[in-house]
Amino acid sequence: MTLKQKIYNHCVQSVNEKIQLLKNTLNELRDSASNETKSTAGDKHETALAMLQIEQENTNRQLAEALAQKDILQKIDAAATASLVIIGSLVTTSRGYLFVSIALGKITVDGIAVTALSSQSPLGAKLKGLKAGDTALVNGTEYIIENVG
């Protein structure tokens, strides 16, 4: 298995774990809301239900984002290589490894630090379409592309 495939698998596993965690959280919030019994202090009950509803909305939003990330990952062929940077490229730069996919930040695979970044991020957008030997300048930082895989 190549480094790129291991990085891809790590990203998929991270997103799947996040999705499961968020689904569990939603189930717990639903249970809490249904178990919330009407007490004599009506305002306290209403406040508790409102807080639970806000938490559910936030968790649903996070779940939608995680599902969108999973969808992006499912469209990537980890075995494919290209000479130009595209979504799914593992880019070796003068500043380290970049995996153009989803915004997960710094991850470590086989002891190698890799930054998983979205193609919509400033750096990801600058890298798209570049090839080995090209340079991307983002926020005053220069990234020299050494290899695209």
Protein backbone atom coordinates (compact mmCIF):
# COMPACT_ATOMS: atom_id res chain seq x y z
CA MET A 1 0.00 0.00 0.00
CA THR A 2 1.39 3.40 -0.98
CA LEU A 3 1.77 6.34 1.38
CA LYS A 4 -1.02 8.15 -0.48
CA GLN A 5 -3.39 5.19 0.01
CA LYS A 6 -2.52 5.03 3.72
CA ILE A 7 -3.20 8.77 4.06
CA TYR A 8 -6.48 8.38 2.19
CA ASN A 9 -7.51 5.46 4.44
CA HIS A 10 -6.62 7.52 7.53
CA CYS A 11 -8.83 10.37 6.29
CA VAL A 12 -11.74 8.01 5.55
CA GLN A 13 -11.42 6.40 8.99
CA SER A 14 -11.29 9.82 10.72
CA VAL A 15 -14.41 11.05 8.93
CA ASN A 16 -16.29 7.79 9.59
CA GLU A 17 -15.41 7.98 13.31
CA LYS A 18 -16.58 11.60 13.42
CA ILE A 19 -19.86 10.69 11.71
CA GLN A 20 -20.48 7.86 14.20
CA LEU A 21 -19.67 10.11 17.15
CA LEU A 22 -22.05 12.81 15.89
CA LYS A 23 -24.83 10.25 15.30
CA ASN A 24 -24.36 8.94 18.85
CA THR A 25 -24.47 12.50 20.20
CA LEU A 26 -27.71 13.17 18.31
CA ASN A 27 -29.28 10.00 19.73
CA GLU A 28 -28.28 11.05 23.24
CA LEU A 29 -29.73 14.53 22.71
CA ARG A 30 -33.00 13.05 21.42
CA ASP A 31 -33.16 10.77 24.44
CA SER A 32 -32.50 13.71 26.77
CA ALA A 33 -35.24 15.76 25.10
CA SER A 34 -37.76 12.94 25.36
CA ASN A 35 -36.82 12.24 28.98
CA GLU A 36 -37.10 15.91 29.93
CA THR A 37 -40.18 15.87 32.14
CA LYS A 38 -42.36 18.85 32.82
CA SER A 39 -41.48 20.14 36.26
CA THR A 40 -43.21 22.74 38.39
CA ALA A 41 -40.65 25.27 37.20
CA GLY A 42 -42.03 25.67 33.66
CA ASP A 43 -39.48 28.25 32.54
CA LYS A 44 -36.62 25.97 33.56
CA HIS A 45 -38.14 23.15 31.51
CA GLU A 46 -38.57 25.38 28.45
CA THR A 47 -34.98 26.64 28.76
CA ALA A 48 -33.64 23.09 29.00
CA LEU A 49 -35.60 22.04 25.91
CA ALA A 50 -34.41 25.12 24.00
CA MET A 51 -30.80 24.37 24.91
CA LEU A 52 -31.22 20.76 23.76
CA GLN A 53 -32.71 21.96 20.48
CA ILE A 54 -29.77 24.31 19.88
CA GLU A 55 -27.34 21.45 20.57
CA GLN A 56 -29.25 19.22 18.13
CA GLU A 57 -29.09 21.91 15.43
CA ASN A 58 -25.35 22.38 15.94
CA THR A 59 -24.73 18.63 15.88
CA ASN A 60 -26.89 18.22 12.75
CA ARG A 61 -24.85 20.94 11.02
CA GLN A 62 -21.58 19.22 11.99
CA LEU A 63 -22.98 15.88 10.78
CA ALA A 64 -23.93 17.42 7.42
CA GLU A 65 -20.38 18.78 7.06
CA ALA A 66 -18.86 15.40 7.93
CA LEU A 67 -21.14 13.65 5.42
CA ALA A 68 -20.09 16.17 2.75
CA GLN A 69 -16.45 15.40 3.56
CA LYS A 70 -17.17 11.68 3.22
CA ASP A 71 -18.78 12.34 -0.16
CA ILE A 72 -15.66 14.19 -1.35
CA LEU A 73 -13.42 11.35 -0.17
CA GLN A 74 -15.56 8.75 -1.95
CA LYS A 75 -14.89 10.53 -5.25
CA ILE A 76 -11.11 10.20 -4.82
CA ASP A 77 -9.24 7.29 -6.40
CA ALA A 78 -6.32 6.83 -4.02
CA ALA A 79 -4.50 4.61 -6.54
CA ALA A 80 -4.62 7.20 -9.33
CA THR A 81 -1.78 9.58 -10.04
CA ALA A 82 -1.70 12.76 -12.08
CA SER A 83 1.05 15.10 -13.20
CA LEU A 84 -0.99 18.16 -12.18
CA VAL A 85 -2.40 18.83 -8.71
CA ILE A 86 -6.05 17.76 -8.51
CA ILE A 87 -8.37 16.71 -5.68
CA GLY A 88 -6.80 13.56 -4.28
CA SER A 89 -3.20 14.53 -5.06
CA LEU A 90 -0.45 13.92 -2.55
CA VAL A 91 1.87 16.86 -3.10
CA THR A 92 5.45 16.88 -1.85
CA THR A 93 6.56 20.47 -1.31
CA SER A 94 9.53 22.29 0.13
CA ARG A 95 7.41 22.63 3.27
CA GLY A 96 6.27 19.01 3.60
CA TYR A 97 3.47 16.76 2.40
CA LEU A 98 0.04 18.09 1.44
CA PHE A 99 -2.96 15.88 0.67
CA VAL A 100 -5.49 17.88 -1.36
CA SER A 101 -8.80 16.41 -0.22
CA ILE A 102 -10.69 17.62 2.85
CA ALA A 103 -9.77 19.97 5.65
CA LEU A 104 -8.49 17.69 8.41
CA GLY A 105 -5.34 19.62 9.23
CA LYS A 106 -2.14 17.90 10.34
CA ILE A 107 -2.20 14.12 10.47
CA THR A 108 0.60 11.61 10.93
CA VAL A 109 0.81 8.44 8.87
CA ASP A 110 3.76 6.05 9.22
CA GLY A 111 5.57 8.74 11.21
CA ILE A 112 5.21 11.24 8.37
CA ALA A 113 3.44 14.55 9.00
CA VAL A 114 0.91 15.37 6.30
CA THR A 115 -1.47 18.30 6.04
CA ALA A 116 -4.87 17.28 4.67
CA LEU A 117 -6.38 20.38 3.14
CA SER A 118 -9.44 21.29 1.14
CA SER A 119 -9.12 22.33 -2.48
CA GLN A 120 -11.16 25.41 -1.51
CA SER A 121 -8.59 26.53 1.07
CA PRO A 122 -6.27 29.35 -0.03
CA LEU A 123 -3.33 26.96 -0.42
CA GLY A 124 -5.43 24.21 -2.01
CA ALA A 125 -6.83 26.65 -4.57
CA LYS A 126 -3.33 27.93 -5.43
CA LEU A 127 -1.99 24.39 -5.86
CA LYS A 128 -4.73 23.19 -8.26
CA GLY A 129 -3.36 22.68 -11.74
CA LEU A 130 0.31 23.12 -10.77
CA LYS A 131 3.02 20.53 -11.48
CA ALA A 132 6.42 19.55 -10.11
CA GLY A 133 8.80 22.51 -10.28
CA ASP A 134 6.01 25.10 -9.93
CA THR A 135 5.74 27.45 -6.98
CA ALA A 136 2.70 28.55 -4.98
CA LEU A 137 2.82 31.67 -2.83
CA VAL A 138 0.23 31.91 -0.05
CA ASN A 139 0.26 34.58 2.67
CA GLY A 140 3.93 35.29 2.03
CA THR A 141 4.89 31.61 2.32
CA GLU A 142 6.43 29.92 -0.70
CA TYR A 143 5.67 26.28 -1.51
CA ILE A 144 7.91 24.72 -4.14
CA ILE A 145 6.26 21.62 -5.60
CA GLU A 146 8.73 18.76 -5.67
CA ASN A 147 6.39 15.93 -6.64
CA VAL A 148 2.71 15.31 -7.42
CA GLY A 149 1.31 11.85 -6.77
